[in-house]
């Protein structure tokens, strides 16, 4: 849970990282690569 919380705090960094590796547009990279992915991790 602490790992996920710290990842969430860096969501804008992750958005840039996901955008420039996957090709997702920024908004999608922020959401799908950030909070939505974090929710999936938390769900598990």
ModelCIF file with pLDDT and N, C-alpha, C, O atoms, coordinates in Angstrom:
data_MODEL
#
_entry.id   MODEL 
#
_entity.id                         1 
_entity.type                       polymer 
_entity.pdbx_number_of_molecules   1 
#
_entity_poly.entity_id                      1 
_entity_poly.type                           'polypeptide(L)' 
_entity_poly.nstd_linkage                   no 
_entity_poly.nstd_monomer                   no 
_entity_poly.pdbx_seq_one_letter_code       
;(UNK)(UNK)(UNK)(UNK)(UNK)(UNK)(UNK)(UNK)(UNK)(UNK)(UNK)(UNK)(UNK)(UNK)(UNK)(UNK)
(UNK)(UNK)(UNK)(UNK)(UNK)(UNK)(UNK)(UNK)(UNK)(UNK)(UNK)(UNK)(UNK)(UNK)(UNK)(UNK)
(UNK)(UNK)(UNK)(UNK)(UNK)(UNK)(UNK)(UNK)(UNK)(UNK)(UNK)(UNK)
;
_entity_poly.pdbx_seq_one_letter_code_can   XXXXXXXXXXXXXXXXXXXXXXXXXXXXXXXXXXXXXXXXXXXX 
_entity_poly.pdbx_strand_id                 A 
#
loop_
_entity_poly_seq.entity_id 
_entity_poly_seq.num 
_entity_poly_seq.mon_id 
_entity_poly_seq.hetero 
1 1  UNK n 
1 2  UNK n 
1 3  UNK n 
1 4  UNK n 
1 5  UNK n 
1 6  UNK n 
1 7  UNK n 
1 8  UNK n 
1 9  UNK n 
1 10 UNK n 
1 11 UNK n 
1 12 UNK n 
1 13 UNK n 
1 14 UNK n 
1 15 UNK n 
1 16 UNK n 
1 17 UNK n 
1 18 UNK n 
1 19 UNK n 
1 20 UNK n 
1 21 UNK n 
1 22 UNK n 
1 23 UNK n 
1 24 UNK n 
1 25 UNK n 
1 26 UNK n 
1 27 UNK n 
1 28 UNK n 
1 29 UNK n 
1 30 UNK n 
1 31 UNK n 
1 32 UNK n 
1 33 UNK n 
1 34 UNK n 
1 35 UNK n 
1 36 UNK n 
1 37 UNK n 
1 38 UNK n 
1 39 UNK n 
1 40 UNK n 
1 41 UNK n 
1 42 UNK n 
1 43 UNK n 
1 44 UNK n 
#
_struct_asym.id          A 
_struct_asym.entity_id   1 
#
loop_
_ma_qa_metric.id 
_ma_qa_metric.mode 
_ma_qa_metric.name 
_ma_qa_metric.software_group_id 
_ma_qa_metric.type 
1 global pLDDT . pLDDT 
2 local  pLDDT . pLDDT 
#
_ma_qa_metric_global.metric_id      1 
_ma_qa_metric_global.metric_value   97.93 
_ma_qa_metric_global.model_id       1 
_ma_qa_metric_global.ordinal_id     1 
#
loop_
_ma_qa_metric_local.label_asym_id 
_ma_qa_metric_local.label_comp_id 
_ma_qa_metric_local.label_seq_id 
_ma_qa_metric_local.metric_id 
_ma_qa_metric_local.metric_value 
_ma_qa_metric_local.model_id 
_ma_qa_metric_local.ordinal_id 
A UNK 1  2 98.00 1 1  
A UNK 2  2 98.00 1 2  
A UNK 3  2 98.00 1 3  
A UNK 4  2 98.00 1 4  
A UNK 5  2 98.00 1 5  
A UNK 6  2 98.00 1 6  
A UNK 7  2 98.00 1 7  
A UNK 8  2 98.00 1 8  
A UNK 9  2 98.00 1 9  
A UNK 10 2 98.00 1 10 
A UNK 11 2 98.00 1 11 
A UNK 12 2 98.00 1 12 
A UNK 13 2 98.00 1 13 
A UNK 14 2 98.00 1 14 
A UNK 15 2 98.00 1 15 
A UNK 16 2 98.00 1 16 
A UNK 17 2 98.00 1 17 
A UNK 18 2 98.00 1 18 
A UNK 19 2 98.00 1 19 
A UNK 20 2 98.00 1 20 
A UNK 21 2 98.00 1 21 
A UNK 22 2 98.00 1 22 
A UNK 23 2 98.00 1 23 
A UNK 24 2 98.00 1 24 
A UNK 25 2 98.00 1 25 
A UNK 26 2 98.00 1 26 
A UNK 27 2 97.00 1 27 
A UNK 28 2 97.00 1 28 
A UNK 29 2 98.00 1 29 
A UNK 30 2 98.00 1 30 
A UNK 31 2 98.00 1 31 
A UNK 32 2 97.00 1 32 
A UNK 33 2 98.00 1 33 
A UNK 34 2 98.00 1 34 
A UNK 35 2 98.00 1 35 
A UNK 36 2 98.00 1 36 
A UNK 37 2 98.00 1 37 
A UNK 38 2 98.00 1 38 
A UNK 39 2 98.00 1 39 
A UNK 40 2 98.00 1 40 
A UNK 41 2 98.00 1 41 
A UNK 42 2 98.00 1 42 
A UNK 43 2 98.00 1 43 
A UNK 44 2 98.00 1 44 
#
loop_
_atom_site.group_PDB 
_atom_site.id 
_atom_site.type_symbol 
_atom_site.label_atom_id 
_atom_site.label_alt_id 
_atom_site.label_comp_id 
_atom_site.label_asym_id 
_atom_site.label_entity_id 
_atom_site.label_seq_id 
_atom_site.pdbx_PDB_ins_code 
_atom_site.Cartn_x 
_atom_site.Cartn_y 
_atom_site.Cartn_z 
_atom_site.occupancy 
_atom_site.B_iso_or_equiv 
_atom_site.pdbx_formal_charge 
_atom_site.auth_seq_id 
_atom_site.auth_comp_id 
_atom_site.auth_asym_id 
_atom_site.auth_atom_id 
_atom_site.pdbx_PDB_model_num 
ATOM 1   N N  . UNK A 1 1  ? 0.829  -1.211 0.000   1.00 98.00 ? 1  UNK A N  1 
ATOM 2   C CA . UNK A 1 1  ? 0.000  0.000  0.000   1.00 98.00 ? 1  UNK A CA 1 
ATOM 3   C C  . UNK A 1 1  ? 0.861  1.258  0.000   1.00 98.00 ? 1  UNK A C  1 
ATOM 4   O O  . UNK A 1 1  ? 0.516  2.253  -0.636  1.00 98.00 ? 1  UNK A O  1 
ATOM 5   N N  . UNK A 1 2  ? 1.975  1.208  0.712   1.00 98.00 ? 2  UNK A N  1 
ATOM 6   C CA . UNK A 1 2  ? 2.883  2.361  0.721   1.00 98.00 ? 2  UNK A CA 1 
ATOM 7   C C  . UNK A 1 2  ? 3.535  2.543  -0.649  1.00 98.00 ? 2  UNK A C  1 
ATOM 8   O O  . UNK A 1 2  ? 3.700  3.671  -1.114  1.00 98.00 ? 2  UNK A O  1 
ATOM 9   N N  . UNK A 1 3  ? 3.902  1.445  -1.290  1.00 98.00 ? 3  UNK A N  1 
ATOM 10  C CA . UNK A 1 3  ? 4.463  1.536  -2.644  1.00 98.00 ? 3  UNK A CA 1 
ATOM 11  C C  . UNK A 1 3  ? 3.470  2.207  -3.575  1.00 98.00 ? 3  UNK A C  1 
ATOM 12  O O  . UNK A 1 3  ? 3.836  3.112  -4.325  1.00 98.00 ? 3  UNK A O  1 
ATOM 13  N N  . UNK A 1 4  ? 2.223  1.776  -3.535  1.00 98.00 ? 4  UNK A N  1 
ATOM 14  C CA . UNK A 1 4  ? 1.196  2.357  -4.404  1.00 98.00 ? 4  UNK A CA 1 
ATOM 15  C C  . UNK A 1 4  ? 0.977  3.832  -4.095  1.00 98.00 ? 4  UNK A C  1 
ATOM 16  O O  . UNK A 1 4  ? 0.790  4.635  -5.009  1.00 98.00 ? 4  UNK A O  1 
ATOM 17  N N  . UNK A 1 5  ? 0.998  4.192  -2.825  1.00 98.00 ? 5  UNK A N  1 
ATOM 18  C CA . UNK A 1 5  ? 0.808  5.595  -2.449  1.00 98.00 ? 5  UNK A CA 1 
ATOM 19  C C  . UNK A 1 5  ? 1.942  6.464  -2.997  1.00 98.00 ? 5  UNK A C  1 
ATOM 20  O O  . UNK A 1 5  ? 1.705  7.580  -3.458  1.00 98.00 ? 5  UNK A O  1 
ATOM 21  N N  . UNK A 1 6  ? 3.161  5.956  -2.945  1.00 98.00 ? 6  UNK A N  1 
ATOM 22  C CA . UNK A 1 6  ? 4.293  6.740  -3.450  1.00 98.00 ? 6  UNK A CA 1 
ATOM 23  C C  . UNK A 1 6  ? 4.283  6.808  -4.981  1.00 98.00 ? 6  UNK A C  1 
ATOM 24  O O  . UNK A 1 6  ? 4.653  7.827  -5.564  1.00 98.00 ? 6  UNK A O  1 
ATOM 25  N N  . UNK A 1 7  ? 3.866  5.741  -5.613  1.00 98.00 ? 7  UNK A N  1 
ATOM 26  C CA . UNK A 1 7  ? 3.711  5.777  -7.067  1.00 98.00 ? 7  UNK A CA 1 
ATOM 27  C C  . UNK A 1 7  ? 2.662  6.813  -7.442  1.00 98.00 ? 7  UNK A C  1 
ATOM 28  O O  . UNK A 1 7  ? 2.857  7.595  -8.373  1.00 98.00 ? 7  UNK A O  1 
ATOM 29  N N  . UNK A 1 8  ? 1.550  6.817  -6.717  1.00 98.00 ? 8  UNK A N  1 
ATOM 30  C CA . UNK A 1 8  ? 0.489  7.780  -7.008  1.00 98.00 ? 8  UNK A CA 1 
ATOM 31  C C  . UNK A 1 8  ? 0.985  9.214  -6.877  1.00 98.00 ? 8  UNK A C  1 
ATOM 32  O O  . UNK A 1 8  ? 0.624  10.072 -7.683  1.00 98.00 ? 8  UNK A O  1 
ATOM 33  N N  . UNK A 1 9  ? 1.798  9.478  -5.882  1.00 98.00 ? 9  UNK A N  1 
ATOM 34  C CA . UNK A 1 9  ? 2.333  10.830 -5.691  1.00 98.00 ? 9  UNK A CA 1 
ATOM 35  C C  . UNK A 1 9  ? 3.207  11.264 -6.864  1.00 98.00 ? 9  UNK A C  1 
ATOM 36  O O  . UNK A 1 9  ? 3.413  12.459 -7.077  1.00 98.00 ? 9  UNK A O  1 
ATOM 37  N N  . UNK A 1 10 ? 3.725  10.295 -7.629  1.00 98.00 ? 10 UNK A N  1 
ATOM 38  C CA . UNK A 1 10 ? 4.571  10.585 -8.788  1.00 98.00 ? 10 UNK A CA 1 
ATOM 39  C C  . UNK A 1 10 ? 3.819  10.362 -10.106 1.00 98.00 ? 10 UNK A C  1 
ATOM 40  O O  . UNK A 1 10 ? 4.436  10.054 -11.126 1.00 98.00 ? 10 UNK A O  1 
ATOM 41  N N  . UNK A 1 11 ? 2.511  10.514 -10.088 1.00 98.00 ? 11 UNK A N  1 
ATOM 42  C CA . UNK A 1 11 ? 1.695  10.185 -11.258 1.00 98.00 ? 11 UNK A CA 1 
ATOM 43  C C  . UNK A 1 11 ? 2.065  10.999 -12.493 1.00 98.00 ? 11 UNK A C  1 
ATOM 44  O O  . UNK A 1 11 ? 1.964  10.494 -13.612 1.00 98.00 ? 11 UNK A O  1 
ATOM 45  N N  . UNK A 1 12 ? 2.486  12.233 -12.317 1.00 98.00 ? 12 UNK A N  1 
ATOM 46  C CA . UNK A 1 12 ? 2.869  13.043 -13.482 1.00 98.00 ? 12 UNK A CA 1 
ATOM 47  C C  . UNK A 1 12 ? 4.178  12.537 -14.100 1.00 98.00 ? 12 UNK A C  1 
ATOM 48  O O  . UNK A 1 12 ? 4.331  12.562 -15.321 1.00 98.00 ? 12 UNK A O  1 
ATOM 49  N N  . UNK A 1 13 ? 5.103  12.089 -13.288 1.00 98.00 ? 13 UNK A N  1 
ATOM 50  C CA . UNK A 1 13 ? 6.318  11.470 -13.817 1.00 98.00 ? 13 UNK A CA 1 
ATOM 51  C C  . UNK A 1 13 ? 5.963  10.203 -14.590 1.00 98.00 ? 13 UNK A C  1 
ATOM 52  O O  . UNK A 1 13 ? 6.462  9.978  -15.693 1.00 98.00 ? 13 UNK A O  1 
ATOM 53  N N  . UNK A 1 14 ? 5.108  9.388  -14.008 1.00 98.00 ? 14 UNK A N  1 
ATOM 54  C CA . UNK A 1 14 ? 4.696  8.159  -14.681 1.00 98.00 ? 14 UNK A CA 1 
ATOM 55  C C  . UNK A 1 14 ? 3.954  8.463  -15.975 1.00 98.00 ? 14 UNK A C  1 
ATOM 56  O O  . UNK A 1 14 ? 4.102  7.736  -16.957 1.00 98.00 ? 14 UNK A O  1 
ATOM 57  N N  . UNK A 1 15 ? 3.164  9.522  -15.987 1.00 98.00 ? 15 UNK A N  1 
ATOM 58  C CA . UNK A 1 15 ? 2.442  9.889  -17.208 1.00 98.00 ? 15 UNK A CA 1 
ATOM 59  C C  . UNK A 1 15 ? 3.412  10.166 -18.345 1.00 98.00 ? 15 UNK A C  1 
ATOM 60  O O  . UNK A 1 15 ? 3.199  9.707  -19.467 1.00 98.00 ? 15 UNK A O  1 
ATOM 61  N N  . UNK A 1 16 ? 4.471  10.910 -18.066 1.00 98.00 ? 16 UNK A N  1 
ATOM 62  C CA . UNK A 1 16 ? 5.477  11.192 -19.094 1.00 98.00 ? 16 UNK A CA 1 
ATOM 63  C C  . UNK A 1 16 ? 6.196  9.917  -19.519 1.00 98.00 ? 16 UNK A C  1 
ATOM 64  O O  . UNK A 1 16 ? 6.463  9.717  -20.704 1.00 98.00 ? 16 UNK A O  1 
ATOM 65  N N  . UNK A 1 17 ? 6.508  9.057  -18.557 1.00 98.00 ? 17 UNK A N  1 
ATOM 66  C CA . UNK A 1 17 ? 7.212  7.813  -18.867 1.00 98.00 ? 17 UNK A CA 1 
ATOM 67  C C  . UNK A 1 17 ? 6.348  6.892  -19.720 1.00 98.00 ? 17 UNK A C  1 
ATOM 68  O O  . UNK A 1 17 ? 6.835  6.289  -20.676 1.00 98.00 ? 17 UNK A O  1 
ATOM 69  N N  . UNK A 1 18 ? 5.068  6.783  -19.376 1.00 98.00 ? 18 UNK A N  1 
ATOM 70  C CA . UNK A 1 18 ? 4.159  5.926  -20.142 1.00 98.00 ? 18 UNK A CA 1 
ATOM 71  C C  . UNK A 1 18 ? 3.910  6.524  -21.524 1.00 98.00 ? 18 UNK A C  1 
ATOM 72  O O  . UNK A 1 18 ? 3.911  5.806  -22.524 1.00 98.00 ? 18 UNK A O  1 
ATOM 73  N N  . UNK A 1 19 ? 3.697  7.833  -21.581 1.00 98.00 ? 19 UNK A N  1 
ATOM 74  C CA . UNK A 1 19 ? 3.446  8.492  -22.862 1.00 98.00 ? 19 UNK A CA 1 
ATOM 75  C C  . UNK A 1 19 ? 4.589  8.240  -23.844 1.00 98.00 ? 19 UNK A C  1 
ATOM 76  O O  . UNK A 1 19 ? 4.354  7.916  -25.009 1.00 98.00 ? 19 UNK A O  1 
ATOM 77  N N  . UNK A 1 20 ? 5.819  8.390  -23.372 1.00 98.00 ? 20 UNK A N  1 
ATOM 78  C CA . UNK A 1 20 ? 6.961  8.330  -24.276 1.00 98.00 ? 20 UNK A CA 1 
ATOM 79  C C  . UNK A 1 20 ? 7.541  6.927  -24.439 1.00 98.00 ? 20 UNK A C  1 
ATOM 80  O O  . UNK A 1 20 ? 8.608  6.764  -25.032 1.00 98.00 ? 20 UNK A O  1 
ATOM 81  N N  . UNK A 1 21 ? 6.853  5.923  -23.924 1.00 98.00 ? 21 UNK A N  1 
ATOM 82  C CA . UNK A 1 21 ? 7.225  4.539  -24.237 1.00 98.00 ? 21 UNK A CA 1 
ATOM 83  C C  . UNK A 1 21 ? 6.084  3.832  -24.956 1.00 98.00 ? 21 UNK A C  1 
ATOM 84  O O  . UNK A 1 21 ? 6.317  3.080  -25.902 1.00 98.00 ? 21 UNK A O  1 
ATOM 85  N N  . UNK A 1 22 ? 4.855  4.070  -24.514 1.00 98.00 ? 22 UNK A N  1 
ATOM 86  C CA . UNK A 1 22 ? 3.698  3.391  -25.119 1.00 98.00 ? 22 UNK A CA 1 
ATOM 87  C C  . UNK A 1 22 ? 3.129  4.135  -26.319 1.00 98.00 ? 22 UNK A C  1 
ATOM 88  O O  . UNK A 1 22 ? 2.555  3.520  -27.218 1.00 98.00 ? 22 UNK A O  1 
ATOM 89  N N  . UNK A 1 23 ? 3.287  5.468  -26.338 1.00 98.00 ? 23 UNK A N  1 
ATOM 90  C CA . UNK A 1 23 ? 2.660  6.275  -27.373 1.00 98.00 ? 23 UNK A CA 1 
ATOM 91  C C  . UNK A 1 23 ? 1.288  6.793  -26.997 1.00 98.00 ? 23 UNK A C  1 
ATOM 92  O O  . UNK A 1 23 ? 0.656  7.487  -27.794 1.00 98.00 ? 23 UNK A O  1 
ATOM 93  N N  . UNK A 1 24 ? 0.808  6.476  -25.804 1.00 98.00 ? 24 UNK A N  1 
ATOM 94  C CA . UNK A 1 24 ? -0.467 7.037  -25.357 1.00 98.00 ? 24 UNK A CA 1 
ATOM 95  C C  . UNK A 1 24 ? -0.376 8.558  -25.297 1.00 98.00 ? 24 UNK A C  1 
ATOM 96  O O  . UNK A 1 24 ? 0.676  9.112  -24.976 1.00 98.00 ? 24 UNK A O  1 
ATOM 97  N N  . UNK A 1 25 ? -1.488 9.231  -25.610 1.00 98.00 ? 25 UNK A N  1 
ATOM 98  C CA . UNK A 1 25 ? -1.535 10.673 -25.433 1.00 98.00 ? 25 UNK A CA 1 
ATOM 99  C C  . UNK A 1 25 ? -1.442 10.991 -23.941 1.00 98.00 ? 25 UNK A C  1 
ATOM 100 O O  . UNK A 1 25 ? -1.696 10.124 -23.104 1.00 98.00 ? 25 UNK A O  1 
ATOM 101 N N  . UNK A 1 26 ? -1.077 12.238 -23.605 1.00 98.00 ? 26 UNK A N  1 
ATOM 102 C CA . UNK A 1 26 ? -0.758 12.546 -22.210 1.00 98.00 ? 26 UNK A CA 1 
ATOM 103 C C  . UNK A 1 26 ? -1.907 12.230 -21.254 1.00 98.00 ? 26 UNK A C  1 
ATOM 104 O O  . UNK A 1 26 ? -1.683 11.619 -20.209 1.00 98.00 ? 26 UNK A O  1 
ATOM 105 N N  . UNK A 1 27 ? -3.125 12.633 -21.591 1.00 97.00 ? 27 UNK A N  1 
ATOM 106 C CA . UNK A 1 27 ? -4.233 12.408 -20.663 1.00 97.00 ? 27 UNK A CA 1 
ATOM 107 C C  . UNK A 1 27 ? -4.455 10.931 -20.414 1.00 97.00 ? 27 UNK A C  1 
ATOM 108 O O  . UNK A 1 27 ? -4.661 10.514 -19.274 1.00 97.00 ? 27 UNK A O  1 
ATOM 109 N N  . UNK A 1 28 ? -4.416 10.143 -21.465 1.00 97.00 ? 28 UNK A N  1 
ATOM 110 C CA . UNK A 1 28 ? -4.589 8.704  -21.299 1.00 97.00 ? 28 UNK A CA 1 
ATOM 111 C C  . UNK A 1 28 ? -3.423 8.103  -20.526 1.00 97.00 ? 28 UNK A C  1 
ATOM 112 O O  . UNK A 1 28 ? -3.615 7.228  -19.682 1.00 97.00 ? 28 UNK A O  1 
ATOM 113 N N  . UNK A 1 29 ? -2.209 8.575  -20.817 1.00 98.00 ? 29 UNK A N  1 
ATOM 114 C CA . UNK A 1 29 ? -1.035 8.076  -20.108 1.00 98.00 ? 29 UNK A CA 1 
ATOM 115 C C  . UNK A 1 29 ? -1.127 8.389  -18.624 1.00 98.00 ? 29 UNK A C  1 
ATOM 116 O O  . UNK A 1 29 ? -0.746 7.571  -17.787 1.00 98.00 ? 29 UNK A O  1 
ATOM 117 N N  . UNK A 1 30 ? -1.637 9.579  -18.296 1.00 98.00 ? 30 UNK A N  1 
ATOM 118 C CA . UNK A 1 30 ? -1.795 9.926  -16.884 1.00 98.00 ? 30 UNK A CA 1 
ATOM 119 C C  . UNK A 1 30 ? -2.811 9.004  -16.230 1.00 98.00 ? 30 UNK A C  1 
ATOM 120 O O  . UNK A 1 30 ? -2.554 8.449  -15.162 1.00 98.00 ? 30 UNK A O  1 
ATOM 121 N N  . UNK A 1 31 ? -3.964 8.839  -16.869 1.00 98.00 ? 31 UNK A N  1 
ATOM 122 C CA . UNK A 1 31 ? -5.044 8.075  -16.243 1.00 98.00 ? 31 UNK A CA 1 
ATOM 123 C C  . UNK A 1 31 ? -4.773 6.574  -16.265 1.00 98.00 ? 31 UNK A C  1 
ATOM 124 O O  . UNK A 1 31 ? -4.743 5.932  -15.215 1.00 98.00 ? 31 UNK A O  1 
ATOM 125 N N  . UNK A 1 32 ? -4.575 6.011  -17.465 1.00 97.00 ? 32 UNK A N  1 
ATOM 126 C CA . UNK A 1 32 ? -4.391 4.562  -17.579 1.00 97.00 ? 32 UNK A CA 1 
ATOM 127 C C  . UNK A 1 32 ? -3.049 4.116  -17.018 1.00 97.00 ? 32 UNK A C  1 
ATOM 128 O O  . UNK A 1 32 ? -2.945 3.050  -16.412 1.00 97.00 ? 32 UNK A O  1 
ATOM 129 N N  . UNK A 1 33 ? -2.012 4.944  -17.225 1.00 98.00 ? 33 UNK A N  1 
ATOM 130 C CA . UNK A 1 33 ? -0.687 4.589  -16.731 1.00 98.00 ? 33 UNK A CA 1 
ATOM 131 C C  . UNK A 1 33 ? -0.470 4.952  -15.280 1.00 98.00 ? 33 UNK A C  1 
ATOM 132 O O  . UNK A 1 33 ? 0.466  4.472  -14.642 1.00 98.00 ? 33 UNK A O  1 
ATOM 133 N N  . UNK A 1 34 ? -1.357 5.821  -14.750 1.00 98.00 ? 34 UNK A N  1 
ATOM 134 C CA . UNK A 1 34 ? -1.232 6.275  -13.375 1.00 98.00 ? 34 UNK A CA 1 
ATOM 135 C C  . UNK A 1 34 ? -2.347 5.747  -12.492 1.00 98.00 ? 34 UNK A C  1 
ATOM 136 O O  . UNK A 1 34 ? -2.334 4.569  -12.136 1.00 98.00 ? 34 UNK A O  1 
ATOM 137 N N  . UNK A 1 35 ? -3.323 6.590  -12.123 1.00 98.00 ? 35 UNK A N  1 
ATOM 138 C CA . UNK A 1 35 ? -4.357 6.184  -11.165 1.00 98.00 ? 35 UNK A CA 1 
ATOM 139 C C  . UNK A 1 35 ? -5.117 4.911  -11.523 1.00 98.00 ? 35 UNK A C  1 
ATOM 140 O O  . UNK A 1 35 ? -5.408 4.110  -10.634 1.00 98.00 ? 35 UNK A O  1 
ATOM 141 N N  . UNK A 1 36 ? -5.447 4.698  -12.797 1.00 98.00 ? 36 UNK A N  1 
ATOM 142 C CA . UNK A 1 36 ? -6.176 3.473  -13.135 1.00 98.00 ? 36 UNK A CA 1 
ATOM 143 C C  . UNK A 1 36 ? -5.301 2.236  -12.920 1.00 98.00 ? 36 UNK A C  1 
ATOM 144 O O  . UNK A 1 36 ? -5.785 1.215  -12.430 1.00 98.00 ? 36 UNK A O  1 
ATOM 145 N N  . UNK A 1 37 ? -4.035 2.319  -13.276 1.00 98.00 ? 37 UNK A N  1 
ATOM 146 C CA . UNK A 1 37 ? -3.117 1.211  -13.027 1.00 98.00 ? 37 UNK A CA 1 
ATOM 147 C C  . UNK A 1 37 ? -2.927 0.993  -11.527 1.00 98.00 ? 37 UNK A C  1 
ATOM 148 O O  . UNK A 1 37 ? -2.871 -0.141 -11.052 1.00 98.00 ? 37 UNK A O  1 
ATOM 149 N N  . UNK A 1 38 ? -2.830 2.082  -10.803 1.00 98.00 ? 38 UNK A N  1 
ATOM 150 C CA . UNK A 1 38 ? -2.685 1.986  -9.343  1.00 98.00 ? 38 UNK A CA 1 
ATOM 151 C C  . UNK A 1 38 ? -3.914 1.340  -8.714  1.00 98.00 ? 38 UNK A C  1 
ATOM 152 O O  . UNK A 1 38 ? -3.793 0.543  -7.784  1.00 98.00 ? 38 UNK A O  1 
ATOM 153 N N  . UNK A 1 39 ? -5.093 1.684  -9.220  1.00 98.00 ? 39 UNK A N  1 
ATOM 154 C CA . UNK A 1 39 ? -6.317 1.027  -8.743  1.00 98.00 ? 39 UNK A CA 1 
ATOM 155 C C  . UNK A 1 39 ? -6.271 -0.473 -9.010  1.00 98.00 ? 39 UNK A C  1 
ATOM 156 O O  . UNK A 1 39 ? -6.687 -1.265 -8.165  1.00 98.00 ? 39 UNK A O  1 
ATOM 157 N N  . UNK A 1 40 ? -5.767 -0.868 -10.180 1.00 98.00 ? 40 UNK A N  1 
ATOM 158 C CA . UNK A 1 40 ? -5.660 -2.296 -10.499 1.00 98.00 ? 40 UNK A CA 1 
ATOM 159 C C  . UNK A 1 40 ? -4.682 -2.988 -9.553  1.00 98.00 ? 40 UNK A C  1 
ATOM 160 O O  . UNK A 1 40 ? -4.919 -4.119 -9.129  1.00 98.00 ? 40 UNK A O  1 
ATOM 161 N N  . UNK A 1 41 ? -3.594 -2.314 -9.225  1.00 98.00 ? 41 UNK A N  1 
ATOM 162 C CA . UNK A 1 41 ? -2.666 -2.884 -8.255  1.00 98.00 ? 41 UNK A CA 1 
ATOM 163 C C  . UNK A 1 41 ? -3.304 -3.019 -6.887  1.00 98.00 ? 41 UNK A C  1 
ATOM 164 O O  . UNK A 1 41 ? -3.149 -4.041 -6.218  1.00 98.00 ? 41 UNK A O  1 
ATOM 165 N N  . UNK A 1 42 ? -4.021 -1.985 -6.473  1.00 98.00 ? 42 UNK A N  1 
ATOM 166 C CA . UNK A 1 42 ? -4.704 -2.009 -5.175  1.00 98.00 ? 42 UNK A CA 1 
ATOM 167 C C  . UNK A 1 42 ? -5.769 -3.094 -5.138  1.00 98.00 ? 42 UNK A C  1 
ATOM 168 O O  . UNK A 1 42 ? -5.950 -3.759 -4.119  1.00 98.00 ? 42 UNK A O  1 
ATOM 169 N N  . UNK A 1 43 ? -6.467 -3.270 -6.243  1.00 98.00 ? 43 UNK A N  1 
ATOM 170 C CA . UNK A 1 43 ? -7.485 -4.317 -6.334  1.00 98.00 ? 43 UNK A CA 1 
ATOM 171 C C  . UNK A 1 43 ? -6.853 -5.689 -6.053  1.00 98.00 ? 43 UNK A C  1 
ATOM 172 O O  . UNK A 1 43 ? -7.422 -6.496 -5.318  1.00 98.00 ? 43 UNK A O  1 
ATOM 173 N N  . UNK A 1 44 ? -5.687 -5.946 -6.635  1.00 98.00 ? 44 UNK A N  1 
ATOM 174 C CA . UNK A 1 44 ? -5.002 -7.212 -6.402  1.00 98.00 ? 44 UNK A CA 1 
ATOM 175 C C  . UNK A 1 44 ? -4.573 -7.353 -4.946  1.00 98.00 ? 44 UNK A C  1 
ATOM 176 O O  . UNK A 1 44 ? -3.979 -8.365 -4.572  1.00 98.00 ? 44 UNK A O  1 
#
